[in-house]
Every structure is written in structure tokens, then in C-alpha cells.
Protein backbone atom coordinates (compact mmCIF):
# COMPACT_ATOMS: atom_id res chain seq x y z
CA UNK A 1 22.71 4.11 76.62
CA UNK A 2 23.60 6.36 73.69
CA UNK A 3 21.26 8.46 71.58
CA UNK A 4 22.20 10.37 68.44
CA UNK A 5 20.01 13.22 67.22
CA UNK A 6 20.65 14.25 63.62
CA UNK A 7 19.58 17.85 63.21
CA UNK A 8 20.35 20.31 66.00
CA UNK A 9 17.54 22.71 65.20
CA UNK A 10 14.71 23.56 67.57
CA UNK A 11 13.16 20.08 67.68
CA UNK A 12 16.45 18.20 67.87
CA UNK A 13 17.90 20.45 70.56
CA UNK A 14 14.71 20.30 72.62
CA UNK A 15 14.73 16.52 72.36
CA UNK A 16 18.36 16.45 73.57
CA UNK A 17 17.49 18.80 76.42
CA UNK A 18 14.53 16.69 77.60
CA UNK A 19 16.48 13.41 77.31
CA UNK A 20 19.32 14.92 79.33
CA UNK A 21 17.17 16.59 81.97
CA UNK A 22 15.19 13.39 82.57
CA UNK A 23 18.26 11.15 82.53
CA UNK A 24 16.84 8.94 79.80
CA UNK A 25 20.26 8.27 78.23
CA UNK A 26 23.82 8.43 79.52
CA UNK A 27 25.12 10.02 76.31
CA UNK A 28 23.55 12.25 73.66
CA UNK A 29 25.23 13.22 70.39
CA UNK A 30 23.86 16.18 68.44
CA UNK A 31 24.89 16.22 64.77
CA UNK A 32 24.31 19.00 62.26
CA UNK A 33 25.76 20.08 58.91
CA UNK A 34 26.18 23.69 60.06
CA UNK A 35 29.68 24.33 61.33
CA UNK A 36 29.73 24.69 65.12
CA UNK A 37 25.94 24.74 65.46
CA UNK A 38 25.50 21.36 67.17
CA UNK A 39 28.58 22.02 69.30
CA UNK A 40 27.03 25.27 70.52
CA UNK A 41 23.67 23.68 71.30
CA UNK A 42 25.37 20.83 73.18
CA UNK A 43 27.49 23.25 75.18
CA UNK A 44 24.45 25.33 76.11
CA UNK A 45 22.51 22.23 77.26
CA UNK A 46 25.53 20.91 79.19
CA UNK A 47 25.85 24.17 81.10
CA UNK A 48 22.42 23.48 82.61
CA UNK A 49 23.70 20.36 84.38
CA UNK A 50 24.76 21.94 87.66
CA UNK A 51 21.50 23.84 88.00
CA UNK A 52 19.15 21.04 87.00
CA UNK A 53 21.10 18.08 88.35
CA UNK A 54 21.50 15.86 85.30
CA UNK A 55 24.57 13.76 84.46
CA UNK A 56 23.98 12.97 80.79
CA UNK A 57 27.01 13.72 78.62
CA UNK A 58 25.92 15.89 75.68
CA UNK A 59 28.25 16.47 72.72
CA UNK A 60 27.87 18.20 69.38
CA UNK A 61 29.57 17.40 66.08
CA UNK A 62 29.57 18.88 62.60
CA UNK A 63 28.67 16.20 60.06
CA UNK A 64 30.99 13.60 61.62
CA UNK A 65 29.09 10.34 61.74
CA UNK A 66 31.99 8.46 63.34
CA UNK A 67 31.06 10.16 66.63
CA UNK A 68 27.63 8.54 66.45
CA UNK A 69 29.04 5.00 66.53
CA UNK A 70 27.17 2.39 68.55
CA UNK A 71 24.10 4.51 69.15
CA UNK A 72 21.18 2.58 70.63
CA UNK A 73 18.70 5.01 69.08
CA UNK A 74 19.13 7.52 66.25
CA UNK A 75 16.60 10.32 65.90
CA UNK A 76 16.32 12.01 62.50
CA UNK A 77 14.98 15.55 62.63
CA UNK A 78 16.92 16.77 59.58
CA UNK A 79 15.22 18.86 56.93
CA UNK A 80 13.61 22.24 56.64
CA UNK A 81 10.72 23.12 58.98
CA UNK A 82 7.32 24.21 57.78
CA UNK A 83 6.68 27.85 56.96
CA UNK A 84 3.29 29.53 57.39
CA UNK A 85 0.87 28.25 54.76
CA UNK A 86 3.09 25.28 53.88
CA UNK A 87 1.76 21.76 54.34
CA UNK A 88 3.87 18.85 55.52
CA UNK A 89 3.32 17.28 52.12
CA UNK A 90 5.03 20.19 50.34
CA UNK A 91 8.25 19.39 52.17
CA UNK A 92 8.70 16.01 50.50
CA UNK A 93 10.84 17.11 47.58
CA UNK A 94 13.34 18.86 49.84
CA UNK A 95 13.52 16.50 52.79
CA UNK A 96 13.50 13.12 51.02
CA UNK A 97 17.10 13.34 49.83
CA UNK A 98 18.26 14.50 53.25
CA UNK A 99 16.55 11.68 55.16
CA UNK A 100 17.83 9.01 52.76
CA UNK A 101 21.43 10.18 53.11
CA UNK A 102 21.21 10.45 56.90
CA UNK A 103 19.60 7.00 57.24
CA UNK A 104 22.36 5.37 55.24
CA UNK A 105 25.14 7.22 57.07
CA UNK A 106 24.01 6.37 60.59
CA UNK A 107 23.78 2.65 59.81
CA UNK A 108 27.43 2.55 58.77
CA UNK A 109 28.43 3.29 62.35
CA UNK A 110 25.41 1.97 64.28
CA UNK A 111 24.19 -1.12 62.38
CA UNK A 112 22.02 -2.30 65.29
CA UNK A 113 20.35 1.00 66.06
CA UNK A 114 16.64 1.79 66.18
CA UNK A 115 15.74 4.79 64.01
CA UNK A 116 13.10 7.32 65.02
CA UNK A 117 11.96 9.53 62.14
CA UNK A 118 10.67 13.04 62.88
CA UNK A 119 11.30 14.81 59.56
CA UNK A 120 8.19 15.79 57.60
CA UNK A 121 6.17 14.56 55.83
CA UNK A 122 6.76 12.04 58.59
CA UNK A 123 4.91 8.97 57.30
CA UNK A 124 6.54 9.24 53.88
CA UNK A 125 9.97 9.87 55.41
CA UNK A 126 9.52 6.81 57.63
CA UNK A 127 8.69 4.72 54.56
CA UNK A 128 11.72 6.18 52.77
CA UNK A 129 14.05 5.36 55.67
CA UNK A 130 12.71 1.80 55.77
CA UNK A 131 13.18 1.21 52.05
CA UNK A 132 16.56 2.96 51.87
CA UNK A 133 18.08 1.00 54.75
CA UNK A 134 16.40 -2.39 54.35
CA UNK A 135 15.99 -2.64 58.13
CA UNK A 136 13.23 -4.77 59.63
CA UNK A 137 10.11 -2.75 60.25
CA UNK A 138 10.36 -2.89 64.05
CA UNK A 139 13.53 -0.74 63.88
CA UNK A 140 12.11 2.19 61.87
CA UNK A 141 9.57 4.24 63.83
CA UNK A 142 7.74 7.40 62.81
CA UNK A 143 7.09 9.69 65.77
CA UNK A 144 4.02 11.70 64.65
CA UNK A 145 1.27 9.87 66.54
CA UNK A 146 2.88 10.58 69.90
CA UNK A 147 2.80 14.31 69.18
CA UNK A 148 -0.69 14.32 67.66
CA UNK A 149 -2.05 12.36 70.63
CA UNK A 150 -0.50 14.81 73.10
CA UNK A 151 -2.15 17.68 71.25
CA UNK A 152 -5.46 15.80 71.25
CA UNK A 153 -5.23 15.39 75.02
CA UNK A 154 -4.41 19.10 75.35
CA UNK A 155 -7.50 20.17 73.44
CA UNK A 156 -9.66 17.69 75.35
CA UNK A 157 -8.30 19.07 78.63
CA UNK A 158 -9.25 22.57 77.55
CA UNK A 159 -12.76 21.48 76.61
CA UNK A 160 -13.20 19.50 79.82
CA UNK A 161 -11.33 21.95 82.06
CA UNK A 162 -9.49 18.95 83.50
CA UNK A 163 -5.77 18.02 83.68
CA UNK A 164 -4.37 16.63 80.44
CA UNK A 165 -2.55 13.91 82.37
CA UNK A 166 -5.91 12.51 83.53
CA UNK A 167 -7.03 12.07 79.92
CA UNK A 168 -6.36 9.05 77.74
CA UNK A 169 -6.70 9.67 74.01
CA UNK A 170 -5.04 8.65 70.77
CA UNK A 171 -4.67 9.86 67.21
CA UNK A 172 -4.10 7.35 64.40
CA UNK A 173 -3.73 7.72 60.63
CA UNK A 174 -1.35 9.96 58.71
CA UNK A 175 0.57 12.74 60.41
CA UNK A 176 -1.03 15.48 58.34
CA UNK A 177 -3.59 18.23 58.73
CA UNK A 178 -6.19 16.31 56.73
CA UNK A 179 -5.11 12.72 57.39
CA UNK A 180 -4.94 12.31 61.16
CA UNK A 181 -7.85 10.63 62.96
CA UNK A 182 -8.47 11.69 66.59
CA UNK A 183 -10.36 8.75 68.13
CA UNK A 184 -12.95 10.74 70.08
CA UNK A 185 -15.07 7.62 70.61
CA UNK A 186 -12.30 5.96 72.64
CA UNK A 187 -11.04 9.01 74.57
CA UNK A 188 -11.58 8.91 78.32
CA UNK A 189 -11.18 11.00 81.46
CA UNK A 190 -9.99 8.80 84.34
CA UNK A 191 -11.62 5.80 82.68
CA UNK A 192 -14.91 7.54 81.88
CA UNK A 193 -15.67 8.19 78.19
CA UNK A 194 -15.30 11.88 77.42
CA UNK A 195 -18.63 11.66 75.60
CA UNK A 196 -20.19 11.60 79.07
CA UNK A 197 -19.01 15.19 79.52
CA UNK A 198 -18.84 16.64 76.01
CA UNK A 199 -21.44 16.74 73.25
CA UNK A 200 -20.74 15.36 69.78
CA UNK A 201 -20.51 18.93 68.55
CA UNK A 202 -17.90 19.76 71.17
CA UNK A 203 -15.94 16.62 70.37
CA UNK A 204 -16.00 17.48 66.68
CA UNK A 205 -14.49 20.89 67.49
CA UNK A 206 -11.78 19.25 69.58
CA UNK A 207 -10.96 16.84 66.74
CA UNK A 208 -10.82 19.69 64.23
CA UNK A 209 -8.50 21.74 66.46
CA UNK A 210 -6.24 18.71 66.91
CA UNK A 211 -5.93 18.13 63.18
CA UNK A 212 -4.69 21.66 62.55
CA UNK A 213 -2.77 21.86 65.83
CA UNK A 214 0.61 22.00 64.09
CA UNK A 215 -0.56 24.52 61.49
CA UNK A 216 -2.03 26.70 64.25
CA UNK A 217 1.35 26.88 65.96
CA UNK A 218 3.16 27.48 62.68
CA UNK A 219 0.88 30.45 62.06
CA UNK A 220 1.55 31.84 65.52
CA UNK A 221 5.29 31.17 65.64
CA UNK A 222 6.22 31.67 62.02
CA UNK A 223 7.83 28.22 61.96
CA UNK A 224 7.12 24.70 63.18
CA UNK A 225 6.64 24.10 66.90
CA UNK A 226 9.46 22.47 68.87
CA UNK A 227 8.72 22.02 72.59
CA UNK A 228 5.97 19.43 72.23
CA UNK A 229 7.62 17.66 69.27
CA UNK A 230 10.93 17.44 71.12
CA UNK A 231 9.27 16.14 74.28
CA UNK A 232 7.26 13.62 72.24
CA UNK A 233 10.45 12.21 70.73
CA UNK A 234 12.03 11.94 74.18
CA UNK A 235 8.91 10.12 75.45
CA UNK A 236 9.23 7.58 72.64
CA UNK A 237 12.99 7.16 73.14
CA UNK A 238 12.42 6.60 76.86
CA UNK A 239 10.07 3.71 76.14
CA UNK A 240 12.69 2.14 73.85
CA UNK A 241 15.77 2.54 76.03
CA UNK A 242 14.04 1.55 79.26
CA UNK A 243 11.90 -1.18 77.67
CA UNK A 244 8.74 0.37 79.09
CA UNK A 245 6.30 -1.35 76.70
CA UNK A 246 4.23 1.83 76.43
CA UNK A 247 1.35 1.93 73.98
CA UNK A 248 2.13 4.81 71.64
CA UNK A 249 0.63 5.67 68.28
CA UNK A 250 3.53 5.45 65.82
CA UNK A 251 4.02 5.30 62.08
CA UNK A 252 5.04 1.75 61.17
CA UNK A 253 5.01 -0.41 58.07
CA UNK A 254 1.74 -2.31 57.79
CA UNK A 255 1.57 -5.80 56.32
CA UNK A 256 -2.16 -6.39 56.27
CA UNK A 257 -2.95 -4.74 59.59
CA UNK A 258 -5.95 -2.42 59.37
CA UNK A 259 -6.45 -3.61 55.80
CA UNK A 260 -3.31 -1.88 54.51
CA UNK A 261 -0.04 -3.07 52.96
CA UNK A 262 3.31 -1.50 52.05
CA UNK A 263 2.62 1.79 53.80
CA UNK A 264 3.88 3.49 56.97
CA UNK A 265 1.06 5.12 58.90
CA UNK A 266 0.11 5.80 62.51
CA UNK A 267 -1.40 2.94 64.54
CA UNK A 268 -1.21 1.95 68.23
CA UNK A 269 2.03 0.10 68.97
CA UNK A 270 3.83 -1.36 71.97
CA UNK A 271 7.25 0.30 72.17
CA UNK A 272 10.14 -1.44 73.93
CA UNK A 273 13.80 -2.35 73.62
CA UNK A 274 13.22 -3.88 70.18
CA UNK A 275 11.42 -0.82 68.88
CA UNK A 276 7.99 -1.74 67.55
CA UNK A 277 7.26 -4.87 69.57
CA UNK A 278 3.60 -5.23 68.67
CA UNK A 279 1.02 -3.55 66.47
CA UNK A 280 -2.26 -3.50 68.39
CA UNK A 281 -5.42 -4.30 66.48
CA UNK A 282 -8.21 -2.10 67.85
CA UNK A 283 -11.72 -2.47 66.51
CA UNK A 284 -12.67 0.58 64.48
CA UNK A 285 -16.25 1.44 63.64
CA UNK A 286 -17.35 1.93 60.04
CA UNK A 287 -16.72 5.69 60.05
CA UNK A 288 -13.24 5.25 61.54
CA UNK A 289 -12.41 2.50 59.04
CA UNK A 290 -13.44 4.75 56.16
CA UNK A 291 -11.39 7.62 57.54
CA UNK A 292 -8.36 5.36 57.97
CA UNK A 293 -8.64 4.06 54.40
CA UNK A 294 -8.88 7.63 53.10
CA UNK A 295 -5.88 8.66 55.18
CA UNK A 296 -3.87 5.70 53.87
CA UNK A 297 -4.72 6.63 50.28
CA UNK A 298 -3.42 10.16 50.86
CA UNK A 299 -0.16 8.89 52.39
CA UNK A 300 0.28 6.37 49.58
CA UNK A 301 -0.12 9.13 47.01
CA UNK A 302 2.71 11.06 48.66
CA UNK A 303 4.90 7.95 48.70
CA UNK A 304 4.60 7.79 44.92
CA UNK A 305 6.83 10.87 44.77
CA UNK A 306 9.72 8.83 46.24
CA UNK A 307 10.35 6.81 43.09
CA UNK A 308 13.19 9.05 41.93
CA UNK A 309 14.86 9.11 45.37
CA UNK A 310 14.65 5.33 45.81
CA UNK A 311 15.70 4.51 42.25
């Protein structure tokens, strides 16, 4: 199985490292526009093989899409990262042109690939990739929900003082500081609702921390986070390549689901060898429905800025 990662920055390189270390793919190609940058990252990762025991072949190339041919999955991380005080939405003008060009280039050499979009603003970039390529919606997947849900579980684990891996929780809606919806009502600790352990006030604090989880890290690091995003991409790619049928919140084009049309936004999906294999319809309460509609409106407003790029 072959995976191409376009963008060898912190997120892309971490994704390549996790995929290699876990043996998710037999081959990983890192591609970047900076001369020698992807080659250096690939070499550094490859020199871990004897100490960590992986056999994945990792290669780097400078803007040569022929080397990406016949990729089973292509991950797009290209674009500038967030700076302190910058929202994901502010990135749209810069990253839209990059994602469109990358999406079109990878399909020339891998016409049957599944595309995973990481570039921000992620929901809008997923929509852009879908419209620019004309691919069926199951083959264009936005990664954000996987990351947001992992952060939600982290903050719940801190509040509960319990292991994050014993917690089941999901974030739906847009991948933005004001648009994501942590589903506190459905979160559980080993099958027991977390509301049995945490008050509504405590759950509200957890939800608030989750929503600004990325911004919190940007403020601390001076740039976007990369370990959790890279691992989240690898988790999603693993479910695709190994047909694991995991339920993962992903940004996908909706055609009437959750009352929305012609928009890519985060909802629970079954992820397997065909990409998005099913969009799960979970029953939201009135407050969650209202929040989802508001989130969709915000994402749709951002999509309006794509008219020039898609023209």
C-alpha cells in the first residue's frame, strides 16, 4: 500500500513518521515544493528504522508528482500554518489556490486514490478539493473531526482523571474554534455516560477547552500543533488502507443528511477501503441541531469565498 503526503512540514512529516512506525503502509512518499526539504525529512525518518523496527520505505521528492503515481491514499497538508491570533478561516485566501493545484496534480498520476484533506480551513478546503476534482464524495475526506475528537477525549480524561483510551467521545460540526460541537451528552467512560461523573458546568468547561484546543496550542507553540494532527491523519489512513470500518468524525459532502446540502462538514462516518463508506445518522437533540445548523451556516459563508478559485 502506498501513501503520498503533500507537504513535508510538521504535520506531514509527523504523519509519515507515525504511518511508518506503525507499519500502516509499505511505501510513503513525502512531497514538498522546497528543494531538498522532503528528501531530508524522509531520510531522517528512514534512519529510525533500525532502532524502531519498521520496514516502510519512505522517500522524499521536490515537486515531482510522477513519484506519487498509483498512491492508494493522498494526504494534503499543504499551505501555511496558523500564527498566534490567526483563525483557520483567515487562511482561506492563501491556502485555497494551493489545495486546488495539489488536488488536480495528484489525480493525474493516481486517478483512483482517496484524498484526505488536512489543510485549513479544513471543511472549506475539503469542499474545494471535491469541486475541483469532480471525484465522488466518498473519496474526498476532511480529517478535522478525528483530531477534534481526540482533543475532546483528552480534556475529558483530565476532568475525570481517567485514561483517555477508556473514553468514547466525538466532535461534529465545522473544524473551527466557534463551529465545532463536542457531543458531551453522548460521551462515555467505559460505557457509562460521563454526566454520571461530571456536572453540567464541568462538561461545559471541557467543551469550551476542546473548541479552542488548537488555538491554545498555537498560542503556546507559536505555530499550529503537529503531533496530534499527524497521528490523527495516520489513524484515518489506517482505517482506509486496512478496511477497518472505524467510526470517525470526518468532513464529508452532505446531500440532505442532518438537514444540510452542498456542504462539507464533520459528521460520524464509517471509514474503510472505499473511503467514506457510510454517513451515520445519529439523533441530535434540539440544542445540538441548532448548533449544527449554525455551524453549517458559518462553513457555508466561508465557502462563498471560493467562487474566484473555482471559476
